[in-house]
């Protein structure tokens, strides 16, 4: 969860943004978890969610933790399978998002 999404869910749960995680009560934690698991019910805009228009379901959702890694891996595998340009760039191990590669990125790590 990023900083902006964390600020938004704190405002929706009416919790002070500057409050530390250890200072939260059990009620406040339950509110936060409920908002994270179903952000649409708490009127969080669709454009704010990190999984927009899922390929298989066509739904908007907020994905976090190990689900996020699995979805990302599935997306890359799908791109490789259909041999899309982005998938091929992933397969070759070169830059995917249009960066210059002539003079930079010569070493892996």
C-alpha atoms as a PDB file:
ATOM      1  CA  UNK A   1       0.000   0.000   0.000  1.00  0.00           C
ATOM      2  CA  UNK A   2       1.406   3.332  -1.022  1.00  0.00           C
ATOM      3  CA  UNK A   3       1.443   6.636   0.815  1.00  0.00           C
ATOM      4  CA  UNK A   4      -1.475   8.196  -1.069  1.00  0.00           C
ATOM      5  CA  UNK A   5      -3.720   5.149  -0.669  1.00  0.00           C
ATOM      6  CA  UNK A   6      -2.811   4.948   3.037  1.00  0.00           C
ATOM      7  CA  UNK A   7      -3.728   8.620   3.518  1.00  0.00           C
ATOM      8  CA  UNK A   8      -7.017   8.080   1.720  1.00  0.00           C
ATOM      9  CA  UNK A   9      -8.065   5.054   3.775  1.00  0.00           C
ATOM     10  CA  UNK A  10      -7.154   6.888   6.995  1.00  0.00           C
ATOM     11  CA  UNK A  11      -9.392   9.782   5.957  1.00  0.00           C
ATOM     12  CA  UNK A  12     -12.234   7.416   5.041  1.00  0.00           C
ATOM     13  CA  UNK A  13     -11.882   5.661   8.427  1.00  0.00           C
ATOM     14  CA  UNK A  14     -11.685   9.070  10.176  1.00  0.00           C
ATOM     15  CA  UNK A  15      -8.299   8.272  11.719  1.00  0.00           C
ATOM     16  CA  UNK A  16      -5.572  10.867  12.241  1.00  0.00           C
ATOM     17  CA  UNK A  17      -3.035  10.538   9.431  1.00  0.00           C
ATOM     18  CA  UNK A  18      -0.111  11.291  11.770  1.00  0.00           C
ATOM     19  CA  UNK A  19      -1.019   8.495  14.191  1.00  0.00           C
ATOM     20  CA  UNK A  20       1.510   5.644  14.451  1.00  0.00           C
ATOM     21  CA  UNK A  21       0.490   2.076  13.645  1.00  0.00           C
ATOM     22  CA  UNK A  22       1.202   0.925  17.211  1.00  0.00           C
ATOM     23  CA  UNK A  23      -1.181   3.542  18.614  1.00  0.00           C
ATOM     24  CA  UNK A  24      -4.215   2.248  16.700  1.00  0.00           C
ATOM     25  CA  UNK A  25      -7.019   0.559  18.602  1.00  0.00           C
ATOM     26  CA  UNK A  26      -8.548  -2.754  17.529  1.00  0.00           C
ATOM     27  CA  UNK A  27     -11.649  -0.930  16.223  1.00  0.00           C
ATOM     28  CA  UNK A  28      -9.550   1.370  14.051  1.00  0.00           C
ATOM     29  CA  UNK A  29      -7.563  -1.558  12.663  1.00  0.00           C
ATOM     30  CA  UNK A  30     -10.786  -3.378  11.759  1.00  0.00           C
ATOM     31  CA  UNK A  31     -12.031  -0.249   9.950  1.00  0.00           C
ATOM     32  CA  UNK A  32      -8.800   0.008   7.973  1.00  0.00           C
ATOM     33  CA  UNK A  33      -8.862  -3.673   7.007  1.00  0.00           C
ATOM     34  CA  UNK A  34     -12.497  -3.385   5.894  1.00  0.00           C
ATOM     35  CA  UNK A  35     -11.687  -0.389   3.687  1.00  0.00           C
ATOM     36  CA  UNK A  36      -8.637  -2.095   2.172  1.00  0.00           C
ATOM     37  CA  UNK A  37     -10.573  -5.263   1.350  1.00  0.00           C
ATOM     38  CA  UNK A  38     -13.572  -3.490  -0.212  1.00  0.00           C
ATOM     39  CA  UNK A  39     -12.613   0.043  -1.278  1.00  0.00           C
ATOM     40  CA  UNK A  40     -15.581   0.452  -3.642  1.00  0.00           C
ATOM     41  CA  UNK A  41     -18.059   0.253  -0.757  1.00  0.00           C
ATOM     42  CA  UNK A  42     -16.358   3.226   0.878  1.00  0.00           C
ATOM     43  CA  UNK A  43     -16.578   5.347  -2.302  1.00  0.00           C
ATOM     44  CA  UNK A  44     -12.885   5.259  -3.182  1.00  0.00           C
ATOM     45  CA  UNK A  45     -12.681   6.273  -6.866  1.00  0.00           C
ATOM     46  CA  UNK A  46     -12.013   3.584  -9.475  1.00  0.00           C
ATOM     47  CA  UNK A  47      -8.980   5.414 -10.863  1.00  0.00           C
ATOM     48  CA  UNK A  48      -7.311   5.200  -7.438  1.00  0.00           C
ATOM     49  CA  UNK A  49      -7.187   1.397  -7.412  1.00  0.00           C
ATOM     50  CA  UNK A  50      -4.031  -0.411  -8.547  1.00  0.00           C
ATOM     51  CA  UNK A  51      -5.728  -3.169 -10.587  1.00  0.00           C
ATOM     52  CA  UNK A  52      -7.820  -1.429 -13.219  1.00  0.00           C
ATOM     53  CA  UNK A  53      -9.883  -3.441 -15.683  1.00  0.00           C
ATOM     54  CA  UNK A  54      -8.520  -6.898 -14.887  1.00  0.00           C
ATOM     55  CA  UNK A  55      -7.895  -8.915 -18.050  1.00  0.00           C
ATOM     56  CA  UNK A  56      -9.838 -12.005 -16.962  1.00  0.00           C
ATOM     57  CA  UNK A  57     -12.693 -10.487 -14.951  1.00  0.00           C
ATOM     58  CA  UNK A  58     -12.868  -6.937 -16.295  1.00  0.00           C
ATOM     59  CA  UNK A  59     -13.271  -5.587 -12.751  1.00  0.00           C
ATOM     60  CA  UNK A  60     -11.468  -2.884 -10.824  1.00  0.00           C
ATOM     61  CA  UNK A  61      -9.844  -3.895  -7.529  1.00  0.00           C
ATOM     62  CA  UNK A  62      -7.098  -3.099  -5.043  1.00  0.00           C
ATOM     63  CA  UNK A  63      -4.532  -5.908  -4.949  1.00  0.00           C
ATOM     64  CA  UNK A  64      -1.889  -6.140  -2.224  1.00  0.00           C
ATOM     65  CA  UNK A  65       0.748  -8.461  -0.722  1.00  0.00           C
ATOM     66  CA  UNK A  66       1.412 -11.792  -2.474  1.00  0.00           C
ATOM     67  CA  UNK A  67      -1.670 -11.409  -4.694  1.00  0.00           C
ATOM     68  CA  UNK A  68      -0.007  -8.406  -6.324  1.00  0.00           C
ATOM     69  CA  UNK A  69       3.107 -10.399  -7.226  1.00  0.00           C
ATOM     70  CA  UNK A  70       1.023 -13.261  -8.592  1.00  0.00           C
ATOM     71  CA  UNK A  71      -1.119 -10.949 -10.761  1.00  0.00           C
ATOM     72  CA  UNK A  72       1.975  -9.185 -12.111  1.00  0.00           C
ATOM     73  CA  UNK A  73       3.630 -12.515 -12.928  1.00  0.00           C
ATOM     74  CA  UNK A  74       0.452 -13.727 -14.659  1.00  0.00           C
ATOM     75  CA  UNK A  75       0.294 -10.547 -16.744  1.00  0.00           C
ATOM     76  CA  UNK A  76       3.910 -10.868 -17.889  1.00  0.00           C
ATOM     77  CA  UNK A  77       3.432 -14.571 -18.695  1.00  0.00           C
ATOM     78  CA  UNK A  78       0.316 -13.736 -20.728  1.00  0.00           C
ATOM     79  CA  UNK A  79       2.239 -11.085 -22.673  1.00  0.00           C
ATOM     80  CA  UNK A  80       5.031 -13.578 -23.373  1.00  0.00           C
ATOM     81  CA  UNK A  81       2.557 -16.244 -24.444  1.00  0.00           C
ATOM     82  CA  UNK A  82       0.781 -14.037 -26.986  1.00  0.00           C
ATOM     83  CA  UNK A  83       4.188 -12.747 -28.111  1.00  0.00           C
ATOM     84  CA  UNK A  84       3.304  -9.107 -27.608  1.00  0.00           C
ATOM     85  CA  UNK A  85       6.117  -6.567 -27.907  1.00  0.00           C
ATOM     86  CA  UNK A  86       6.207  -5.971 -24.134  1.00  0.00           C
ATOM     87  CA  UNK A  87       6.279  -9.705 -23.518  1.00  0.00           C
ATOM     88  CA  UNK A  88       9.157 -10.199 -25.928  1.00  0.00           C
ATOM     89  CA  UNK A  89      11.138  -7.404 -24.250  1.00  0.00           C
ATOM     90  CA  UNK A  90      10.589  -9.133 -20.904  1.00  0.00           C
ATOM     91  CA  UNK A  91      11.695 -12.418 -22.463  1.00  0.00           C
ATOM     92  CA  UNK A  92      14.865 -10.869 -23.889  1.00  0.00           C
ATOM     93  CA  UNK A  93      15.656  -9.111 -20.608  1.00  0.00           C
ATOM     94  CA  UNK A  94      15.872  -5.592 -22.058  1.00  0.00           C
ATOM     95  CA  UNK A  95      14.113  -2.383 -21.051  1.00  0.00           C
ATOM     96  CA  UNK A  96      10.368  -2.552 -21.571  1.00  0.00           C
ATOM     97  CA  UNK A  97       9.026   0.955 -21.080  1.00  0.00           C
ATOM     98  CA  UNK A  98      10.752   2.831 -23.884  1.00  0.00           C
ATOM     99  CA  UNK A  99      13.966   3.788 -22.128  1.00  0.00           C
ATOM    100  CA  UNK A 100      17.120   4.353 -24.149  1.00  0.00           C
ATOM    101  CA  UNK A 101      19.460   1.364 -24.162  1.00  0.00           C
ATOM    102  CA  UNK A 102      22.384   2.531 -26.295  1.00  0.00           C
ATOM    103  CA  UNK A 103      24.526   4.062 -23.573  1.00  0.00           C
ATOM    104  CA  UNK A 104      22.818   3.033 -20.329  1.00  0.00           C
ATOM    105  CA  UNK A 105      21.790  -0.199 -18.673  1.00  0.00           C
ATOM    106  CA  UNK A 106      24.745  -2.248 -19.868  1.00  0.00           C
ATOM    107  CA  UNK A 107      25.136  -4.153 -16.638  1.00  0.00           C
ATOM    108  CA  UNK A 108      22.373  -6.220 -15.099  1.00  0.00           C
ATOM    109  CA  UNK A 109      22.672  -5.328 -11.433  1.00  0.00           C
END
